[in-house]
Amino acid sequence: MNDDGLVRGDDGIVRCAWHGGKDDYQIYHDEEWGRPETDDIRLFEKICLEGFQSGLSWLTILRKRENFRAGFDGFDFRKVAEYGEADVERLLDDAGIVRHRRKIESTINNARRARDLVEETGSLARFFWSYEPEPETRPDPVTWTALVANPTTDASTRLSKDLKKRGWSFVGPTTAYAFMQAMGLVNDHVEGCAFRKVVEDERRALTRP
């Protein structure tokens, strides 16, 4: 990776370099990462998968994502909220996911907390997007050096604290910030990446929940 965090692909397109040239990771970078998301199911899925990532690489989780979706009813939190011990044991026997009891139990717990949060606020999207940081708090320009130096932010710390206060687990400030980056609450494609403008245009056109 260059010092500027950029790499030119075989297709001539300059991208953030963190995908490491892996085809599936590059597709994720190009088509998903940073695109503003307002669907409650996808928001719930992502924050749970970020929790599963703890101690692992996101690529590991990405490559198991379809197995996670199959095991957790597509991350429909209303369904997952009804899971019991038999489901925990079923998931612990599923070699296609990360078989970590505490993380599995955390996902079920978080589904119940998500259900409560929707009853309170109307949607997960409305809650999560309320933590979108003000533009003046963001690095200008967004460089690789700035991102490496700031794995958490004031906004992600506040989001983490609020979620924990509501009973969520595996939602520390670093996890919360990775979630915000992936779901487009911030645009952390670095300056010079061809997809920075794509994401910024989508964020500009977005009607906030």
Protein backbone atom coordinates (compact mmCIF):
# COMPACT_ATOMS: atom_id res chain seq x y z
CA MET A 1 0.00 0.00 0.00
CA ASN A 2 1.27 3.46 -0.87
CA ASP A 3 1.63 6.11 1.83
CA ASP A 4 -1.47 7.83 0.43
CA GLY A 5 -3.57 4.66 0.85
CA LEU A 6 -4.33 4.45 -2.87
CA VAL A 7 -3.66 1.90 -5.58
CA ARG A 8 -4.34 1.83 -9.32
CA GLY A 9 -6.06 -1.37 -10.39
CA ASP A 10 -5.53 -3.40 -13.53
CA ASP A 11 -8.59 -1.60 -14.89
CA GLY A 12 -6.81 1.74 -14.49
CA ILE A 13 -9.12 2.91 -11.69
CA VAL A 14 -7.55 4.43 -8.58
CA ARG A 15 -9.08 3.07 -5.38
CA CYS A 16 -8.50 2.91 -1.64
CA ALA A 17 -5.79 0.29 -1.32
CA TRP A 18 -7.16 -1.65 1.63
CA HIS A 19 -8.92 -4.22 -0.58
CA GLY A 20 -5.47 -5.63 -1.28
CA GLY A 21 -6.27 -6.62 -4.85
CA LYS A 22 -8.65 -9.39 -3.77
CA ASP A 23 -11.54 -9.56 -6.23
CA ASP A 24 -14.36 -10.01 -3.71
CA TYR A 25 -12.94 -7.33 -1.43
CA GLN A 26 -12.58 -4.93 -4.37
CA ILE A 27 -16.22 -5.48 -5.32
CA TYR A 28 -17.22 -4.74 -1.73
CA HIS A 29 -15.15 -1.54 -1.85
CA ASP A 30 -16.65 -0.46 -5.17
CA GLU A 31 -20.29 -1.42 -4.68
CA GLU A 32 -21.04 -1.38 -0.96
CA TRP A 33 -18.57 0.31 1.37
CA GLY A 34 -19.61 3.82 2.23
CA ARG A 35 -22.86 3.76 0.26
CA PRO A 36 -25.52 5.38 2.47
CA GLU A 37 -27.83 2.71 3.87
CA THR A 38 -31.25 3.30 5.43
CA ASP A 39 -32.69 -0.22 5.44
CA ASP A 40 -33.16 -1.42 9.02
CA ILE A 41 -32.34 -5.05 8.25
CA ARG A 42 -29.08 -4.19 6.51
CA LEU A 43 -28.12 -1.78 9.29
CA PHE A 44 -28.76 -4.46 11.90
CA GLU A 45 -26.85 -7.03 9.87
CA LYS A 46 -23.83 -4.79 9.55
CA ILE A 47 -23.53 -3.81 13.18
CA CYS A 48 -23.82 -7.48 14.18
CA LEU A 49 -21.23 -8.59 11.64
CA GLU A 50 -18.90 -5.84 12.84
CA GLY A 51 -19.23 -7.41 16.28
CA PHE A 52 -18.37 -10.83 14.86
CA GLN A 53 -15.33 -9.25 13.21
CA SER A 54 -13.83 -8.32 16.59
CA GLY A 55 -10.39 -9.96 16.65
CA LEU A 56 -10.71 -11.05 13.01
CA SER A 57 -10.47 -9.43 9.57
CA TRP A 58 -13.50 -8.03 7.78
CA LEU A 59 -12.57 -10.15 4.76
CA THR A 60 -13.06 -13.28 6.88
CA ILE A 61 -16.57 -12.11 7.78
CA LEU A 62 -17.37 -10.95 4.26
CA ARG A 63 -16.58 -14.37 2.86
CA LYS A 64 -18.90 -15.98 5.41
CA ARG A 65 -21.65 -13.36 5.09
CA GLU A 66 -24.08 -15.51 3.09
CA ASN A 67 -23.71 -18.27 5.67
CA PHE A 68 -24.42 -15.75 8.43
CA ARG A 69 -27.51 -14.57 6.57
CA ALA A 70 -28.76 -18.13 6.21
CA GLY A 71 -28.12 -18.90 9.87
CA PHE A 72 -29.69 -15.72 11.23
CA ASP A 73 -32.85 -15.52 9.07
CA GLY A 74 -31.40 -12.80 6.88
CA PHE A 75 -30.75 -10.73 10.03
CA ASP A 76 -34.44 -9.98 10.40
CA PHE A 77 -34.07 -8.76 13.97
CA ARG A 78 -37.71 -9.46 14.80
CA LYS A 79 -37.14 -13.14 14.01
CA VAL A 80 -33.71 -13.29 15.68
CA ALA A 81 -35.19 -11.69 18.81
CA GLU A 82 -37.26 -14.86 19.27
CA TYR A 83 -34.25 -17.19 19.23
CA GLY A 84 -33.64 -19.43 22.21
CA GLU A 85 -30.96 -21.83 23.43
CA ALA A 86 -31.73 -24.35 20.68
CA ASP A 87 -30.85 -21.69 18.11
CA VAL A 88 -27.62 -20.89 19.93
CA GLU A 89 -26.64 -24.56 19.77
CA ARG A 90 -27.69 -24.76 16.11
CA LEU A 91 -25.45 -21.81 15.27
CA LEU A 92 -22.56 -23.19 17.29
CA ASP A 93 -22.77 -26.28 15.06
CA ASP A 94 -22.70 -24.18 11.87
CA ALA A 95 -19.19 -24.43 10.41
CA GLY A 96 -20.03 -21.74 7.87
CA ILE A 97 -20.04 -18.91 10.42
CA VAL A 98 -17.81 -17.77 13.28
CA ARG A 99 -18.79 -20.15 16.08
CA HIS A 100 -18.33 -17.90 19.08
CA ARG A 101 -20.96 -18.33 21.78
CA ARG A 102 -20.72 -14.83 23.21
CA LYS A 103 -21.00 -13.22 19.78
CA ILE A 104 -23.95 -15.42 18.83
CA GLU A 105 -25.70 -14.62 22.09
CA SER A 106 -24.85 -10.96 21.59
CA THR A 107 -26.58 -10.97 18.19
CA ILE A 108 -29.74 -12.41 19.73
CA ASN A 109 -29.59 -9.88 22.56
CA ASN A 110 -29.02 -7.04 20.12
CA ALA A 111 -31.99 -8.18 18.05
CA ARG A 112 -34.20 -7.76 21.11
CA ARG A 113 -32.68 -4.37 21.80
CA ALA A 114 -33.21 -3.41 18.14
CA ARG A 115 -36.87 -4.35 18.38
CA ASP A 116 -37.20 -2.13 21.45
CA LEU A 117 -35.37 0.70 19.71
CA VAL A 118 -37.72 0.59 16.71
CA GLU A 119 -40.70 0.76 19.05
CA GLU A 120 -39.14 3.84 20.67
CA THR A 121 -37.77 5.76 17.67
CA GLY A 122 -39.67 4.40 14.67
CA SER A 123 -36.72 2.83 12.88
CA LEU A 124 -33.10 1.82 13.35
CA ALA A 125 -32.24 4.11 10.45
CA ARG A 126 -33.64 7.14 12.23
CA PHE A 127 -31.64 6.30 15.34
CA PHE A 128 -28.33 5.53 13.63
CA TRP A 129 -28.46 8.47 11.22
CA SER A 130 -28.99 10.83 14.14
CA TYR A 131 -25.29 10.17 14.84
CA GLU A 132 -24.11 11.35 11.45
CA PRO A 133 -21.32 13.79 12.32
CA GLU A 134 -21.42 17.42 11.32
CA PRO A 135 -19.22 18.17 8.27
CA GLU A 136 -16.95 20.51 10.24
CA THR A 137 -15.90 17.63 12.51
CA ARG A 138 -14.56 15.55 9.61
CA PRO A 139 -10.96 15.51 8.35
CA ASP A 140 -10.40 17.84 5.42
CA PRO A 141 -9.05 16.36 3.28
CA VAL A 142 -9.83 12.72 4.13
CA THR A 143 -6.40 11.12 3.93
CA TRP A 144 -5.15 7.66 4.77
CA THR A 145 -2.95 9.18 7.49
CA ALA A 146 -5.96 10.86 9.10
CA LEU A 147 -8.02 7.65 9.05
CA VAL A 148 -5.26 5.51 10.54
CA ALA A 149 -4.78 8.08 13.29
CA ASN A 150 -8.50 8.12 14.16
CA PRO A 151 -9.99 4.60 14.49
CA THR A 152 -12.71 6.15 16.64
CA THR A 153 -14.41 9.53 16.64
CA ASP A 154 -16.49 11.57 19.06
CA ALA A 155 -19.60 10.52 17.14
CA SER A 156 -18.75 6.80 17.22
CA THR A 157 -17.95 7.05 20.93
CA ARG A 158 -21.32 8.66 21.61
CA LEU A 159 -23.11 6.06 19.48
CA SER A 160 -21.31 3.26 21.32
CA LYS A 161 -22.22 4.67 24.71
CA ASP A 162 -25.86 5.10 23.74
CA LEU A 163 -26.12 1.55 22.42
CA LYS A 164 -24.45 0.11 25.52
CA LYS A 165 -26.78 2.12 27.74
CA ARG A 166 -29.66 0.48 25.87
CA GLY A 167 -28.22 -2.98 26.51
CA TRP A 168 -26.45 -3.69 23.22
CA SER A 169 -23.14 -5.60 23.31
CA PHE A 170 -20.05 -5.89 21.09
CA VAL A 171 -20.59 -2.27 20.05
CA GLY A 172 -17.42 -0.49 21.19
CA PRO A 173 -16.35 2.84 19.65
CA THR A 174 -14.09 1.21 17.03
CA THR A 175 -16.86 -1.18 15.98
CA ALA A 176 -19.32 1.72 15.87
CA TYR A 177 -16.99 3.74 13.66
CA ALA A 178 -16.40 0.85 11.24
CA PHE A 179 -20.18 0.54 11.03
CA MET A 180 -20.54 4.26 10.31
CA GLN A 181 -17.90 4.07 7.58
CA ALA A 182 -19.49 1.06 5.91
CA MET A 183 -23.08 2.35 6.08
CA GLY A 184 -22.25 5.77 4.66
CA LEU A 185 -22.78 7.89 7.76
CA VAL A 186 -19.33 9.17 6.83
CA ASN A 187 -17.48 9.05 3.52
CA ASP A 188 -14.03 7.64 4.25
CA HIS A 189 -12.99 6.80 0.73
CA VAL A 190 -9.71 8.71 0.72
CA GLU A 191 -9.03 11.71 -1.49
CA GLY A 192 -8.02 10.42 -4.92
CA CYS A 193 -10.20 7.29 -4.78
CA ALA A 194 -12.53 7.21 -7.77
CA PHE A 195 -15.41 6.16 -5.54
CA ARG A 196 -15.20 9.08 -3.14
CA LYS A 197 -17.30 11.27 -5.44
CA VAL A 198 -19.72 8.41 -6.15
CA VAL A 199 -20.40 8.03 -2.44
CA GLU A 200 -20.53 11.77 -1.84
CA ASP A 201 -23.10 12.19 -4.60
CA GLU A 202 -25.26 9.45 -3.06
CA ARG A 203 -24.94 11.00 0.38
CA ARG A 204 -25.90 14.41 -1.01
CA ALA A 205 -29.01 12.95 -2.69
CA LEU A 206 -30.06 10.94 0.37
CA THR A 207 -33.22 11.88 2.23
CA ARG A 208 -32.23 11.36 5.86
CA PRO A 209 -34.66 9.19 7.84
